[in-house]
Structures are given as structure tokens and as C-alpha cells.
Amino acid sequence: MIALVGLTTFEIELAVIALVIVIGIIAIAVSGIKIVGQYERGLVESWGAYDKTVGPGLKFIVPIKQKIYRVNMREQVIDVPPQEIITEDNVVVNVDAIVYYQILDPKRAIYEIEDFEMAIVKLAQTTLRNVVGEMTLDTCLTSREKINNDLRKILDEATDKWGTKVNRIEVQRIDPPKDIQEAMHKQKTAEQERRQARLQATGRKEAAEQDKEATILVAEGRSQSIFLVAEAEAKAIKLVSESANLYFKTNAQINKRLDVIRDTFANQTKIIVPANSDVLNVLGLEGGQILPIKKTEGETPKQ
């Protein structure tokens, strides 16, 4: 304000205009300084036409003439809203999914499609209707991995011209109507009860077989024990019999003869036996008086 003292009004206006111009030039020059992130690529346009693609870092462009568009090169996620789809067996299911994609060519991703995210959502919904509509309800519920693979393959081929790659698709929910859900729940409960009953029956059968095997083993053990005892007793009897035959057979025969003689001649005072009989030794008559018996003619004399 001190410097402006003594100046005319016209000179003051010129000074202000010059200051504004200088500030404007500085602002325009600063606007040409751009920073591209590490995960981004920059598309530079000159007068609205594509000029070049630049990498991450500090970049300078010509203000007004050039513009720069930043493109995110990281893997991104798009949520596909739920939609009702009629299956092959005329069941209405509610299906939604998530799409994971990544831009590989930023130039095509910007210039080949106006709204890439909306396009991929609509394409995913259409593909879902086509894939799920060709399956029955049971197949849909048990083939989620197949649905994911089919969707990814179709979307990846369709979005290739946009310079993107669909890495994977995850179907989050496949919800049938409530009445069908209740019927499926009842069926599942019944199957679980049947499975549990089958397991219990199998367990009882196995327990009975184990008890039977244990009883058989106990019986076999007892039988073997009885057999061994009987075999031992038979061996003992055989041993006693052999010993008796070996050591006591002759004496037993003599004792038997004595019993016969005693019973036969209990009231006789004379005993007639052959002279060479072993009975004499047993009776203590060896060397005793032997009376001869007269024989008639033609007979052998008896002693």
C-alpha cells in the first residue's frame, strides 16, 4: 500500500491486472503437475485425442492442451445384485454373485467401453440366467463350483476386448422359495434320522456279533480246557494201567487163583494141586508132604 502512494488510479489498476496475470500463470503452471500412483497408469490426451500412457510418479502435462486420466490397475470387486432365475424344472431361485476382475490394458478399458462396471454387472446377470436356467434345482445347489467356472470363462472371453481379465466369480447365494426350503429341510432331517437309526442298528449288530464271538471264544476255551483235562486223565489212566500190567499182573493172577481155591475148598482138609504148581509157593507148601494118588490102569498118576 505504501508503494502505491503517489500513483494514479490508472497505474494502480495496471498493477492489479499484472498481479492477477502472474498469479494465473503460476496457477496454470501448477495445474500441469500430476502425480500417478504406484497402482495406477495415466492416459494422456492432447486436445481430446489419446497421446500416450504414463507410469507411476510425478508427471508434467501442458495445461489446457493436455489432460490425464488415472486408471486403477489393481484387482477390483463388483457385486452383482440378486436376481430371480427360473431353473430348468421351473423353480424360481434368487441368485447373486461377486466378480473379481483386473484391468490389463488401460487404453482399451477407457476407450472401448463407456461404463465398464455397469457393463460387467449386466453381462454377469445375463450369463447367470443362461447358466442357471439350464440346470435343475438340485444341480444348482450341488454344482456351485461348476457355475463359478462357467461364469468366469464366459465373462473372461466377453471382457477380453475391453482390456480386462476376470479372475474369478463367486456365487454367494442360491435361495429357492421358502416352501421348497422347508421341504428340503424336512427331507434332510428325515435322512439324518434314517442315517442315525441305521448307524444305531449297525452298532447293535456289531455289538451282538462281538458278544457272539466272545461267547464262541469262551466256549472254545472251555472245550479246549476240558479236552486237555480229559487228555491228561486218559494219559494218567493209561500210565497206571501200563504200570499195573508191568508190575502187578502176575501177582493179580495168583491172587485171583487163591480166591477161587479159597472159595472152592474152604471146607476141605486136603488140597489136590499139580506138583509143579506156583500155588504151592503161594500157599507155603513148597517142600511139604505131597501125597500121591493111586491111578487106575490107563491113567496118569496124580500127585
Protein backbone atom coordinates (compact mmCIF):
# COMPACT_ATOMS: atom_id res chain seq x y z
CA MET A 1 0.00 0.00 0.00
CA ILE A 2 2.93 2.29 0.67
CA ALA A 3 4.32 1.56 -2.84
CA LEU A 4 1.03 2.61 -4.37
CA VAL A 5 1.10 6.02 -2.72
CA GLY A 6 1.61 8.72 -5.30
CA LEU A 7 0.39 6.55 -8.19
CA THR A 8 -2.55 7.45 -10.28
CA THR A 9 -5.67 5.36 -10.38
CA PHE A 10 -4.79 4.05 -13.83
CA GLU A 11 -1.38 2.90 -12.71
CA ILE A 12 -2.91 1.14 -9.73
CA GLU A 13 -5.36 -0.74 -11.97
CA LEU A 14 -2.50 -1.83 -14.25
CA ALA A 15 -0.56 -3.12 -11.28
CA VAL A 16 -3.51 -5.15 -10.05
CA ILE A 17 -4.08 -6.63 -13.50
CA ALA A 18 -0.42 -7.60 -13.78
CA LEU A 19 -0.54 -9.27 -10.36
CA VAL A 20 -3.65 -11.24 -11.36
CA ILE A 21 -1.97 -12.36 -14.58
CA VAL A 22 1.12 -13.52 -12.74
CA ILE A 23 -0.98 -15.45 -10.21
CA GLY A 24 -2.98 -17.02 -13.06
CA ILE A 25 0.17 -18.10 -14.88
CA ILE A 26 1.51 -19.68 -11.70
CA ALA A 27 -1.80 -21.48 -11.14
CA ILE A 28 -1.86 -22.78 -14.69
CA ALA A 29 1.74 -23.98 -14.41
CA VAL A 30 0.98 -25.76 -11.15
CA SER A 31 -2.07 -27.43 -12.71
CA GLY A 32 0.28 -29.14 -15.17
CA ILE A 33 1.94 -31.07 -12.33
CA LYS A 34 0.29 -34.50 -11.88
CA ILE A 35 1.08 -37.47 -9.65
CA VAL A 36 0.27 -41.01 -10.80
CA GLY A 37 0.04 -43.60 -8.00
CA GLN A 38 2.07 -46.80 -7.89
CA TYR A 39 -1.03 -48.93 -8.64
CA GLU A 40 -2.21 -46.58 -11.45
CA ARG A 41 -1.49 -45.84 -15.09
CA GLY A 42 -2.06 -42.42 -16.66
CA LEU A 43 -3.70 -41.86 -20.04
CA VAL A 44 -2.59 -38.52 -21.53
CA GLU A 45 -4.82 -36.78 -24.08
CA SER A 46 -3.86 -33.79 -26.25
CA TRP A 47 -6.80 -31.71 -27.42
CA GLY A 48 -9.07 -34.66 -26.62
CA ALA A 49 -7.06 -37.29 -28.57
CA TYR A 50 -5.12 -40.12 -26.99
CA ASP A 51 -1.45 -39.22 -26.76
CA LYS A 52 0.34 -41.73 -24.50
CA THR A 53 0.21 -43.92 -21.41
CA VAL A 54 2.45 -42.97 -18.50
CA GLY A 55 3.53 -44.94 -15.47
CA PRO A 56 3.53 -44.03 -11.76
CA GLY A 57 5.36 -40.96 -10.45
CA LEU A 58 5.44 -37.17 -10.91
CA LYS A 59 4.25 -36.13 -14.38
CA PHE A 60 4.09 -32.80 -16.23
CA ILE A 61 1.47 -32.01 -18.84
CA VAL A 62 0.72 -28.92 -20.87
CA PRO A 63 -2.17 -27.15 -19.18
CA ILE A 64 -5.32 -26.66 -21.23
CA LYS A 65 -3.85 -28.64 -24.11
CA GLN A 66 -3.41 -31.93 -22.29
CA LYS A 67 -5.43 -33.93 -19.80
CA ILE A 68 -4.54 -37.09 -17.83
CA TYR A 69 -6.88 -39.91 -16.78
CA ARG A 70 -5.77 -42.24 -13.99
CA VAL A 71 -6.70 -45.95 -14.31
CA ASN A 72 -6.65 -48.29 -11.31
CA MET A 73 -4.68 -51.43 -12.22
CA ARG A 74 -5.40 -53.39 -9.01
CA GLU A 75 -7.80 -56.32 -8.81
CA GLN A 76 -11.26 -54.97 -8.11
CA VAL A 77 -14.58 -56.39 -6.95
CA ILE A 78 -18.06 -55.84 -8.37
CA ASP A 79 -21.13 -57.00 -6.51
CA VAL A 80 -23.77 -58.47 -8.84
CA PRO A 81 -27.20 -57.66 -7.33
CA PRO A 82 -29.57 -60.57 -6.57
CA GLN A 83 -31.95 -61.61 -9.31
CA GLU A 84 -34.69 -64.20 -9.73
CA ILE A 85 -33.89 -67.01 -12.16
CA ILE A 86 -36.16 -69.86 -13.30
CA THR A 87 -34.40 -73.21 -13.32
CA GLU A 88 -34.96 -75.99 -15.85
CA ASP A 89 -37.52 -77.66 -13.54
CA ASN A 90 -39.48 -74.38 -13.21
CA VAL A 91 -38.30 -73.39 -9.73
CA VAL A 92 -37.63 -69.70 -9.07
CA VAL A 93 -34.34 -69.15 -7.26
CA ASN A 94 -32.72 -65.96 -6.02
CA VAL A 95 -29.06 -65.76 -7.09
CA ASP A 96 -26.33 -63.18 -6.57
CA ALA A 97 -22.58 -63.20 -7.16
CA ILE A 98 -19.30 -61.32 -6.85
CA VAL A 99 -16.98 -60.66 -9.80
CA TYR A 100 -13.21 -60.20 -9.33
CA TYR A 101 -11.57 -58.50 -12.29
CA GLN A 102 -8.37 -56.66 -13.17
CA ILE A 103 -7.57 -54.15 -15.94
CA LEU A 104 -4.64 -55.23 -18.10
CA ASP A 105 -4.85 -52.61 -20.87
CA PRO A 106 -5.90 -49.18 -19.52
CA LYS A 107 -6.29 -47.70 -23.01
CA ARG A 108 -8.89 -50.27 -24.11
CA ALA A 109 -10.61 -50.21 -20.70
CA ILE A 110 -11.22 -46.45 -21.11
CA TYR A 111 -11.88 -46.13 -24.83
CA GLU A 112 -13.60 -49.44 -25.71
CA ILE A 113 -16.45 -49.24 -23.16
CA GLU A 114 -18.21 -46.26 -21.65
CA ASP A 115 -19.05 -47.69 -18.20
CA PHE A 116 -17.08 -50.82 -17.62
CA GLU A 117 -18.51 -51.70 -14.18
CA MET A 118 -22.11 -51.40 -15.30
CA ALA A 119 -21.34 -53.43 -18.40
CA ILE A 120 -19.75 -56.25 -16.44
CA VAL A 121 -22.65 -56.33 -13.95
CA LYS A 122 -25.22 -56.62 -16.74
CA LEU A 123 -23.13 -59.24 -18.50
CA ALA A 124 -22.77 -61.25 -15.28
CA GLN A 125 -26.53 -61.17 -14.67
CA THR A 126 -27.28 -62.30 -18.20
CA THR A 127 -24.71 -65.09 -18.01
CA LEU A 128 -26.10 -66.22 -14.65
CA ARG A 129 -29.58 -66.51 -16.13
CA ASN A 130 -28.28 -68.57 -19.02
CA VAL A 131 -26.16 -70.93 -16.92
CA VAL A 132 -28.57 -71.45 -14.01
CA GLY A 133 -31.60 -71.62 -16.32
CA GLU A 134 -30.19 -74.76 -17.94
CA MET A 135 -29.90 -76.61 -14.61
CA THR A 136 -32.36 -78.23 -12.25
CA LEU A 137 -32.63 -77.01 -8.67
CA ASP A 138 -30.72 -79.96 -7.26
CA THR A 139 -27.93 -79.44 -9.79
CA CYS A 140 -27.71 -75.74 -8.92
CA LEU A 141 -27.40 -76.44 -5.23
CA THR A 142 -24.73 -79.11 -5.68
CA SER A 143 -22.76 -77.64 -8.61
CA ARG A 144 -21.81 -74.18 -7.38
CA GLU A 145 -18.19 -74.68 -8.38
CA LYS A 146 -19.23 -75.56 -11.93
CA ILE A 147 -21.40 -72.44 -12.12
CA ASN A 148 -18.46 -70.31 -10.96
CA ASN A 149 -16.15 -71.79 -13.57
CA ASP A 150 -18.67 -71.45 -16.40
CA LEU A 151 -19.38 -67.82 -15.49
CA ARG A 152 -15.71 -66.94 -15.25
CA LYS A 153 -14.93 -68.49 -18.64
CA ILE A 154 -17.79 -66.71 -20.42
CA LEU A 155 -17.15 -63.33 -18.80
CA ASP A 156 -13.41 -63.52 -19.36
CA GLU A 157 -13.92 -64.12 -23.08
CA ALA A 158 -16.51 -61.33 -23.33
CA THR A 159 -14.42 -58.72 -21.50
CA ASP A 160 -11.15 -59.51 -23.26
CA LYS A 161 -11.80 -56.82 -25.87
CA TRP A 162 -12.10 -54.30 -23.02
CA GLY A 163 -8.54 -54.98 -21.89
CA THR A 164 -9.61 -56.70 -18.65
CA LYS A 165 -9.34 -60.15 -17.16
CA VAL A 166 -12.00 -61.78 -14.97
CA ASN A 167 -10.00 -63.69 -12.37
CA ARG A 168 -12.89 -65.45 -10.65
CA ILE A 169 -16.59 -65.33 -9.86
CA GLU A 170 -18.17 -66.45 -6.61
CA VAL A 171 -21.87 -67.25 -6.43
CA GLN A 172 -22.84 -66.16 -2.93
CA ARG A 173 -26.40 -67.40 -2.61
CA ILE A 174 -28.80 -69.68 -4.41
CA ASP A 175 -32.05 -69.36 -2.48
CA PRO A 176 -35.11 -71.39 -3.54
CA PRO A 177 -38.63 -70.38 -2.39
CA LYS A 178 -39.47 -70.77 1.31
CA ASP A 179 -41.84 -73.70 0.80
CA ILE A 180 -39.16 -75.62 -1.06
CA GLN A 181 -36.61 -74.72 1.60
CA GLU A 182 -38.93 -76.10 4.29
CA ALA A 183 -39.49 -79.29 2.29
CA MET A 184 -35.75 -79.69 1.78
CA HIS A 185 -35.17 -79.13 5.49
CA LYS A 186 -37.72 -81.81 6.39
CA GLN A 187 -36.19 -84.19 3.88
CA LYS A 188 -32.72 -83.54 5.27
CA THR A 189 -33.97 -84.10 8.83
CA ALA A 190 -35.62 -87.37 7.81
CA GLU A 191 -32.44 -88.53 6.08
CA GLN A 192 -30.40 -87.69 9.16
CA GLU A 193 -32.82 -89.63 11.36
CA ARG A 194 -32.68 -92.62 8.99
CA ARG A 195 -28.90 -92.42 8.92
CA GLN A 196 -28.78 -92.26 12.71
CA ALA A 197 -31.16 -95.23 13.02
CA ARG A 198 -29.05 -97.15 10.51
CA LEU A 199 -25.91 -96.39 12.47
CA GLN A 200 -27.55 -97.48 15.71
CA ALA A 201 -28.76 -100.72 14.11
CA THR A 202 -25.30 -101.34 12.71
CA GLY A 203 -23.80 -100.66 16.13
CA ARG A 204 -26.18 -103.09 17.80
CA LYS A 205 -25.45 -105.71 15.15
CA GLU A 206 -21.72 -105.28 15.58
CA ALA A 207 -22.10 -105.46 19.37
CA ALA A 208 -24.16 -108.66 19.04
CA GLU A 209 -21.56 -110.15 16.70
CA GLN A 210 -18.82 -109.22 19.14
CA ASP A 211 -20.77 -110.82 22.01
CA LYS A 212 -21.30 -113.91 19.85
CA GLU A 213 -17.63 -114.08 19.02
CA ALA A 214 -16.75 -113.64 22.68
CA THR A 215 -19.18 -116.44 23.65
CA ILE A 216 -17.69 -118.69 20.97
CA LEU A 217 -14.20 -117.94 22.19
CA VAL A 218 -15.21 -118.69 25.80
CA ALA A 219 -16.88 -121.94 24.70
CA GLU A 220 -13.85 -122.90 22.64
CA GLY A 221 -11.64 -122.11 25.60
CA ARG A 222 -13.76 -124.27 27.91
CA SER A 223 -13.86 -127.06 25.33
CA GLN A 224 -10.12 -126.91 24.94
CA SER A 225 -9.71 -126.91 28.70
CA ILE A 226 -12.00 -129.94 29.08
CA PHE A 227 -10.18 -131.69 26.27
CA LEU A 228 -6.82 -131.05 27.86
CA VAL A 229 -8.05 -132.27 31.28
CA ALA A 230 -9.59 -135.38 29.71
CA GLU A 231 -6.41 -135.99 27.74
CA ALA A 232 -4.34 -135.63 30.90
CA GLU A 233 -6.63 -138.00 32.83
CA ALA A 234 -6.52 -140.52 29.95
CA LYS A 235 -2.73 -140.35 29.95
CA ALA A 236 -2.72 -140.86 33.71
CA ILE A 237 -5.09 -143.85 33.46
CA LYS A 238 -3.00 -145.29 30.67
CA LEU A 239 0.15 -144.85 32.72
CA VAL A 240 -1.47 -146.54 35.74
CA SER A 241 -2.74 -149.38 33.54
CA GLU A 242 0.64 -149.89 31.95
CA SER A 243 2.31 -149.84 35.33
CA ALA A 244 -0.20 -152.31 36.70
CA ASN A 245 0.28 -154.66 33.74
CA LEU A 246 4.01 -154.32 34.04
CA TYR A 247 4.46 -154.78 37.77
CA PHE A 248 1.30 -156.37 39.22
CA LYS A 249 -0.13 -158.68 36.54
CA THR A 250 1.41 -161.95 37.86
CA ASN A 251 0.50 -161.25 41.48
CA ALA A 252 -3.02 -160.32 40.46
CA GLN A 253 -3.43 -163.66 38.65
CA ILE A 254 -2.17 -165.57 41.65
CA ASN A 255 -4.47 -163.64 43.99
CA LYS A 256 -7.35 -164.44 41.73
CA ARG A 257 -6.47 -168.15 41.80
CA LEU A 258 -6.23 -168.06 45.59
CA ASP A 259 -9.66 -166.51 45.80
CA VAL A 260 -11.01 -169.37 43.68
CA ILE A 261 -9.22 -172.02 45.73
CA ARG A 262 -10.41 -170.43 48.95
CA ASP A 263 -13.99 -170.32 47.82
CA THR A 264 -13.90 -173.85 46.37
CA PHE A 265 -12.02 -175.70 49.05
CA ALA A 266 -12.96 -173.71 52.11
CA ASN A 267 -14.21 -176.90 53.91
CA GLN A 268 -11.57 -179.34 52.56
CA THR A 269 -8.61 -180.51 54.58
CA LYS A 270 -6.82 -181.80 51.57
CA ILE A 271 -5.85 -179.88 48.52
CA ILE A 272 -5.00 -181.59 45.34
CA VAL A 273 -2.87 -179.49 43.05
CA PRO A 274 -0.24 -180.27 40.46
CA ALA A 275 3.16 -180.80 41.95
CA ASN A 276 4.74 -178.14 39.89
CA SER A 277 2.04 -175.52 40.52
CA ASP A 278 3.01 -172.00 41.58
CA VAL A 279 0.17 -172.19 44.05
CA LEU A 280 2.28 -174.32 46.33
CA ASN A 281 4.70 -171.48 46.69
CA VAL A 282 1.90 -169.06 47.43
CA LEU A 283 0.34 -171.47 49.97
CA GLY A 284 3.64 -172.10 51.65
CA LEU A 285 3.56 -175.82 50.79
CA GLU A 286 6.74 -175.83 48.85
CA GLY A 287 8.80 -178.69 50.23
CA GLY A 288 5.81 -180.02 52.16
CA GLN A 289 4.42 -183.50 52.12
CA ILE A 290 2.79 -184.40 48.82
CA LEU A 291 0.51 -187.41 48.81
CA PRO A 292 0.41 -189.47 45.66
CA ILE A 293 -2.91 -190.59 44.26
CA LYS A 294 -3.39 -194.04 43.02
CA LYS A 295 -4.21 -194.29 39.44
CA THR A 296 -6.22 -196.75 37.67
CA GLU A 297 -4.93 -198.58 34.70
CA GLY A 298 -4.51 -196.34 31.75
CA GLU A 299 -4.40 -193.16 33.80
CA THR A 300 -1.52 -190.90 34.62
CA PRO A 301 -0.74 -190.97 38.33
CA LYS A 302 -1.85 -187.78 40.14
CA GLN A 303 0.03 -186.06 42.90
